[in-house]
Amino acid sequence: MENKKSRGRQKIPMKKIEKQDDLYASFSKRRLGLHKKASDLVFECDVDIGMIYFSPKGNPFSFFHPNVDAVISRFQNLDIEFSESALLVTAGNREKVNELKNRLDELDIIEDIAIAKKKSYDDVIEARKRGWWESIEQLNASEVTKFEAWMDTTNFNMQNRLNELKNGASSS
């Protein structure tokens, strides 16, 4: 096994980050993580949520679901009864979030499949570069099947070309 180049994922101690560039980078990464967690909370628990915060540079950021007005109104009046239109807007927003989350999950699966296919093709190309006699024993069943299909196609093409050459030589 090859030597590891890093120590992997490490727990970072909670302390004030002094270096400005590191502070901005950390804020950016944690902000995205916070939004992801808030989105997951909305999706899994069907809750209303609102967050407002400022970056180290003073830029404002927020996350509200279903929307700012609904969250603020609910916070100010815990016993409030929402109008039918507000409930419809909320339901519509939740449905849109669910649709987008499902689409994102589908795209993640498609991406994973494409990455796996590319790796498989890259492995086959690498095996071809090494020469089949050097790498045939290292192929798994799926790779052997693909290699066999490639060899069949190559053999068919070679036979056709040979026949063309024979026919061309005999007619001259």
C-alpha atoms as a PDB file:
ATOM      1  CA  MET A   1       0.000   0.000   0.000  1.00  0.00           C
ATOM      2  CA  GLU A   2       1.266   3.468  -0.827  1.00  0.00           C
ATOM      3  CA  ASN A   3       2.336   5.885   1.895  1.00  0.00           C
ATOM      4  CA  LYS A   4      -0.389   8.299   2.962  1.00  0.00           C
ATOM      5  CA  LYS A   5       0.320  11.902   2.032  1.00  0.00           C
ATOM      6  CA  SER A   6      -1.928  13.390   4.731  1.00  0.00           C
ATOM      7  CA  ARG A   7      -3.168  12.435   8.150  1.00  0.00           C
ATOM      8  CA  GLY A   8      -6.760  12.396   6.927  1.00  0.00           C
ATOM      9  CA  ARG A   9      -9.630  14.220   8.513  1.00  0.00           C
ATOM     10  CA  GLN A  10      -8.597  15.707  11.837  1.00  0.00           C
ATOM     11  CA  LYS A  11     -10.642  17.379  14.569  1.00  0.00           C
ATOM     12  CA  ILE A  12      -9.875  21.091  14.614  1.00  0.00           C
ATOM     13  CA  PRO A  13      -9.657  22.610  18.099  1.00  0.00           C
ATOM     14  CA  MET A  14     -12.134  25.436  18.683  1.00  0.00           C
ATOM     15  CA  LYS A  15     -10.111  28.629  19.053  1.00  0.00           C
ATOM     16  CA  LYS A  16     -10.100  32.066  17.500  1.00  0.00           C
ATOM     17  CA  ILE A  17      -8.495  32.046  14.055  1.00  0.00           C
ATOM     18  CA  GLU A  18      -5.944  34.841  13.976  1.00  0.00           C
ATOM     19  CA  LYS A  19      -4.819  34.790  10.335  1.00  0.00           C
ATOM     20  CA  GLN A  20      -7.250  36.800   8.134  1.00  0.00           C
ATOM     21  CA  ASP A  21      -7.056  34.549   5.049  1.00  0.00           C
ATOM     22  CA  ASP A  22      -7.647  31.431   7.146  1.00  0.00           C
ATOM     23  CA  LEU A  23     -10.534  33.165   8.910  1.00  0.00           C
ATOM     24  CA  TYR A  24     -12.272  34.042   5.625  1.00  0.00           C
ATOM     25  CA  ALA A  25     -11.766  30.535   4.230  1.00  0.00           C
ATOM     26  CA  SER A  26     -13.044  28.898   7.398  1.00  0.00           C
ATOM     27  CA  PHE A  27     -16.094  31.172   7.531  1.00  0.00           C
ATOM     28  CA  SER A  28     -16.938  30.405   3.910  1.00  0.00           C
ATOM     29  CA  LYS A  29     -16.731  26.633   4.438  1.00  0.00           C
ATOM     30  CA  ARG A  30     -18.642  26.695   7.711  1.00  0.00           C
ATOM     31  CA  ARG A  31     -21.312  28.986   6.234  1.00  0.00           C
ATOM     32  CA  LEU A  32     -22.022  26.438   3.503  1.00  0.00           C
ATOM     33  CA  GLY A  33     -22.120  23.673   6.110  1.00  0.00           C
ATOM     34  CA  LEU A  34     -24.532  25.681   8.250  1.00  0.00           C
ATOM     35  CA  HIS A  35     -26.856  26.252   5.279  1.00  0.00           C
ATOM     36  CA  LYS A  36     -26.720  22.530   4.441  1.00  0.00           C
ATOM     37  CA  LYS A  37     -27.612  21.578   8.018  1.00  0.00           C
ATOM     38  CA  ALA A  38     -30.470  24.106   8.087  1.00  0.00           C
ATOM     39  CA  SER A  39     -31.759  22.768   4.768  1.00  0.00           C
ATOM     40  CA  ASP A  40     -31.573  19.189   6.063  1.00  0.00           C
ATOM     41  CA  LEU A  41     -33.457  20.221   9.206  1.00  0.00           C
ATOM     42  CA  VAL A  42     -36.212  21.770   7.088  1.00  0.00           C
ATOM     43  CA  PHE A  43     -36.423  18.724   4.829  1.00  0.00           C
ATOM     44  CA  GLU A  44     -36.286  16.027   7.504  1.00  0.00           C
ATOM     45  CA  CYS A  45     -38.299  17.700  10.283  1.00  0.00           C
ATOM     46  CA  ASP A  46     -40.617  20.002   8.297  1.00  0.00           C
ATOM     47  CA  VAL A  47     -39.735  23.056  10.434  1.00  0.00           C
ATOM     48  CA  ASP A  48     -39.671  26.782   9.853  1.00  0.00           C
ATOM     49  CA  ILE A  49     -36.224  28.268  10.347  1.00  0.00           C
ATOM     50  CA  GLY A  50     -34.496  31.637  10.129  1.00  0.00           C
ATOM     51  CA  MET A  51     -30.869  32.708  10.497  1.00  0.00           C
ATOM     52  CA  ILE A  52     -29.151  36.055  10.017  1.00  0.00           C
ATOM     53  CA  TYR A  53     -25.413  36.480  10.472  1.00  0.00           C
ATOM     54  CA  PHE A  54     -22.538  38.620   9.263  1.00  0.00           C
ATOM     55  CA  SER A  55     -19.209  37.569   7.776  1.00  0.00           C
ATOM     56  CA  PRO A  56     -15.883  38.715   9.228  1.00  0.00           C
ATOM     57  CA  LYS A  57     -15.889  41.408   6.501  1.00  0.00           C
ATOM     58  CA  GLY A  58     -19.361  42.563   7.581  1.00  0.00           C
ATOM     59  CA  ASN A  59     -21.350  41.064   4.691  1.00  0.00           C
ATOM     60  CA  PRO A  60     -24.835  39.925   5.727  1.00  0.00           C
ATOM     61  CA  PHE A  61     -26.025  36.365   5.118  1.00  0.00           C
ATOM     62  CA  SER A  62     -29.386  34.781   5.833  1.00  0.00           C
ATOM     63  CA  PHE A  63     -31.348  31.573   5.500  1.00  0.00           C
ATOM     64  CA  PHE A  64     -35.116  31.508   5.932  1.00  0.00           C
ATOM     65  CA  HIS A  65     -37.670  28.827   5.289  1.00  0.00           C
ATOM     66  CA  PRO A  66     -40.423  29.087   4.195  1.00  0.00           C
ATOM     67  CA  ASN A  67     -39.776  32.851   3.926  1.00  0.00           C
ATOM     68  CA  VAL A  68     -38.686  35.824   6.035  1.00  0.00           C
ATOM     69  CA  ASP A  69     -42.185  37.139   6.741  1.00  0.00           C
ATOM     70  CA  ALA A  70     -43.540  33.785   7.902  1.00  0.00           C
ATOM     71  CA  VAL A  71     -40.620  33.134  10.255  1.00  0.00           C
ATOM     72  CA  ILE A  72     -40.638  36.667  11.748  1.00  0.00           C
ATOM     73  CA  SER A  73     -44.425  36.651  12.193  1.00  0.00           C
ATOM     74  CA  ARG A  74     -44.307  33.273  13.861  1.00  0.00           C
ATOM     75  CA  PHE A  75     -41.462  34.382  16.146  1.00  0.00           C
ATOM     76  CA  GLN A  76     -43.295  37.541  17.206  1.00  0.00           C
ATOM     77  CA  ASN A  77     -46.676  35.823  17.753  1.00  0.00           C
ATOM     78  CA  LEU A  78     -46.311  32.190  18.775  1.00  0.00           C
ATOM     79  CA  ASP A  79     -50.106  31.743  18.909  1.00  0.00           C
ATOM     80  CA  ILE A  80     -50.709  33.303  15.487  1.00  0.00           C
ATOM     81  CA  GLU A  81     -53.084  31.571  13.081  1.00  0.00           C
ATOM     82  CA  PHE A  82     -51.787  31.823   9.534  1.00  0.00           C
ATOM     83  CA  SER A  83     -54.071  32.891   6.730  1.00  0.00           C
ATOM     84  CA  GLU A  84     -54.920  30.387   4.032  1.00  0.00           C
ATOM     85  CA  SER A  85     -52.778  32.255   1.515  1.00  0.00           C
ATOM     86  CA  ALA A  86     -49.766  32.171   3.864  1.00  0.00           C
ATOM     87  CA  LEU A  87     -50.260  28.438   4.380  1.00  0.00           C
ATOM     88  CA  LEU A  88     -50.447  27.923   0.602  1.00  0.00           C
ATOM     89  CA  VAL A  89     -47.240  29.898   0.073  1.00  0.00           C
ATOM     90  CA  THR A  90     -45.542  27.860   2.796  1.00  0.00           C
ATOM     91  CA  ALA A  91     -46.755  24.584   1.305  1.00  0.00           C
ATOM     92  CA  GLY A  92     -45.612  25.694  -2.147  1.00  0.00           C
ATOM     93  CA  ASN A  93     -42.167  26.613  -0.836  1.00  0.00           C
ATOM     94  CA  ARG A  94     -41.845  23.272   0.962  1.00  0.00           C
ATOM     95  CA  GLU A  95     -42.870  21.413  -2.185  1.00  0.00           C
ATOM     96  CA  LYS A  96     -40.313  23.339  -4.253  1.00  0.00           C
ATOM     97  CA  VAL A  97     -37.576  22.551  -1.707  1.00  0.00           C
ATOM     98  CA  ASN A  98     -38.519  18.860  -1.811  1.00  0.00           C
ATOM     99  CA  GLU A  99     -38.487  18.832  -5.631  1.00  0.00           C
ATOM    100  CA  LEU A 100     -35.085  20.514  -5.753  1.00  0.00           C
ATOM    101  CA  LYS A 101     -33.676  18.160  -3.109  1.00  0.00           C
ATOM    102  CA  ASN A 102     -34.924  15.127  -5.045  1.00  0.00           C
ATOM    103  CA  ARG A 103     -33.444  16.507  -8.270  1.00  0.00           C
ATOM    104  CA  LEU A 104     -30.135  17.135  -6.527  1.00  0.00           C
ATOM    105  CA  ASP A 105     -30.137  13.541  -5.240  1.00  0.00           C
ATOM    106  CA  GLU A 106     -30.795  12.279  -8.792  1.00  0.00           C
ATOM    107  CA  LEU A 107     -27.962  14.398 -10.181  1.00  0.00           C
ATOM    108  CA  ASP A 108     -25.614  13.135  -7.450  1.00  0.00           C
ATOM    109  CA  ILE A 109     -26.400   9.546  -8.478  1.00  0.00           C
ATOM    110  CA  ILE A 110     -25.853  10.372 -12.168  1.00  0.00           C
ATOM    111  CA  GLU A 111     -22.540  12.021 -11.286  1.00  0.00           C
ATOM    112  CA  ASP A 112     -21.426   8.972  -9.269  1.00  0.00           C
ATOM    113  CA  ILE A 113     -22.286   6.677 -12.194  1.00  0.00           C
ATOM    114  CA  ALA A 114     -20.407   8.901 -14.652  1.00  0.00           C
ATOM    115  CA  ILE A 115     -17.347   8.975 -12.391  1.00  0.00           C
ATOM    116  CA  ALA A 116     -17.428   5.173 -12.068  1.00  0.00           C
ATOM    117  CA  LYS A 117     -17.752   4.755 -15.856  1.00  0.00           C
ATOM    118  CA  LYS A 118     -14.859   7.138 -16.494  1.00  0.00           C
ATOM    119  CA  LYS A 119     -12.693   5.267 -14.010  1.00  0.00           C
ATOM    120  CA  SER A 120     -13.593   1.977 -15.671  1.00  0.00           C
ATOM    121  CA  TYR A 121     -12.756   3.334 -19.128  1.00  0.00           C
ATOM    122  CA  ASP A 122      -9.528   4.853 -17.836  1.00  0.00           C
ATOM    123  CA  ASP A 123      -8.595   1.483 -16.340  1.00  0.00           C
ATOM    124  CA  VAL A 124      -9.260  -0.279 -19.654  1.00  0.00           C
ATOM    125  CA  ILE A 125      -7.212   2.311 -21.564  1.00  0.00           C
ATOM    126  CA  GLU A 126      -4.392   1.954 -19.059  1.00  0.00           C
ATOM    127  CA  ALA A 127      -4.563  -1.831 -19.451  1.00  0.00           C
ATOM    128  CA  ARG A 128      -4.360  -1.445 -23.236  1.00  0.00           C
ATOM    129  CA  LYS A 129      -1.307   0.774 -22.876  1.00  0.00           C
ATOM    130  CA  ARG A 130       0.450  -1.846 -20.761  1.00  0.00           C
ATOM    131  CA  GLY A 131      -0.481  -4.555 -23.242  1.00  0.00           C
ATOM    132  CA  TRP A 132      -3.094  -7.220 -22.732  1.00  0.00           C
ATOM    133  CA  TRP A 133      -0.512  -9.889 -21.980  1.00  0.00           C
ATOM    134  CA  GLU A 134       0.746  -7.900 -18.991  1.00  0.00           C
ATOM    135  CA  SER A 135      -2.609  -7.016 -17.465  1.00  0.00           C
ATOM    136  CA  ILE A 136      -5.200  -9.654 -18.460  1.00  0.00           C
ATOM    137  CA  GLU A 137      -4.874 -11.457 -15.146  1.00  0.00           C
ATOM    138  CA  GLN A 138      -5.589  -8.250 -13.239  1.00  0.00           C
ATOM    139  CA  LEU A 139      -8.998  -7.660 -14.886  1.00  0.00           C
ATOM    140  CA  ASN A 140     -12.220  -8.434 -13.046  1.00  0.00           C
ATOM    141  CA  ALA A 141     -15.183 -10.223 -14.703  1.00  0.00           C
ATOM    142  CA  SER A 142     -16.784  -7.006 -16.005  1.00  0.00           C
ATOM    143  CA  GLU A 143     -13.497  -5.758 -17.452  1.00  0.00           C
ATOM    144  CA  VAL A 144     -12.826  -9.139 -19.090  1.00  0.00           C
ATOM    145  CA  THR A 145     -16.270  -8.995 -20.736  1.00  0.00           C
ATOM    146  CA  LYS A 146     -15.603  -5.486 -22.049  1.00  0.00           C
ATOM    147  CA  PHE A 147     -12.144  -6.517 -23.259  1.00  0.00           C
ATOM    148  CA  GLU A 148     -13.605  -9.583 -24.983  1.00  0.00           C
ATOM    149  CA  ALA A 149     -16.210  -7.427 -26.767  1.00  0.00           C
ATOM    150  CA  TRP A 150     -13.466  -5.032 -27.886  1.00  0.00           C
ATOM    151  CA  MET A 151     -11.363  -7.930 -29.183  1.00  0.00           C
ATOM    152  CA  ASP A 152     -14.376  -9.383 -31.066  1.00  0.00           C
ATOM    153  CA  THR A 153     -15.026  -6.010 -32.706  1.00  0.00           C
ATOM    154  CA  THR A 154     -11.357  -5.630 -33.591  1.00  0.00           C
ATOM    155  CA  ASN A 155     -11.234  -9.154 -35.039  1.00  0.00           C
ATOM    156  CA  PHE A 156     -14.367  -8.492 -37.126  1.00  0.00           C
ATOM    157  CA  ASN A 157     -12.910  -5.214 -38.450  1.00  0.00           C
ATOM    158  CA  MET A 158      -9.605  -6.907 -39.297  1.00  0.00           C
ATOM    159  CA  GLN A 159     -11.365  -9.742 -41.176  1.00  0.00           C
ATOM    160  CA  ASN A 160     -13.396  -7.218 -43.179  1.00  0.00           C
ATOM    161  CA  ARG A 161     -10.278  -5.239 -44.072  1.00  0.00           C
ATOM    162  CA  LEU A 162      -8.423  -8.423 -45.025  1.00  0.00           C
ATOM    163  CA  ASN A 163     -11.329  -9.466 -47.290  1.00  0.00           C
ATOM    164  CA  GLU A 164     -11.339  -5.991 -48.891  1.00  0.00           C
ATOM    165  CA  LEU A 165      -7.621  -6.267 -49.587  1.00  0.00           C
ATOM    166  CA  LYS A 166      -7.993  -9.780 -51.031  1.00  0.00           C
ATOM    167  CA  ASN A 167     -10.901  -8.721 -53.237  1.00  0.00           C
ATOM    168  CA  GLY A 168      -9.052  -5.607 -54.368  1.00  0.00           C
ATOM    169  CA  ALA A 169      -5.895  -7.629 -55.206  1.00  0.00           C
ATOM    170  CA  SER A 170      -7.810 -10.279 -57.177  1.00  0.00           C
ATOM    171  CA  SER A 171      -9.754  -7.724 -59.277  1.00  0.00           C
ATOM    172  CA  SER A 172      -6.610  -5.857 -60.378  1.00  0.00           C
END
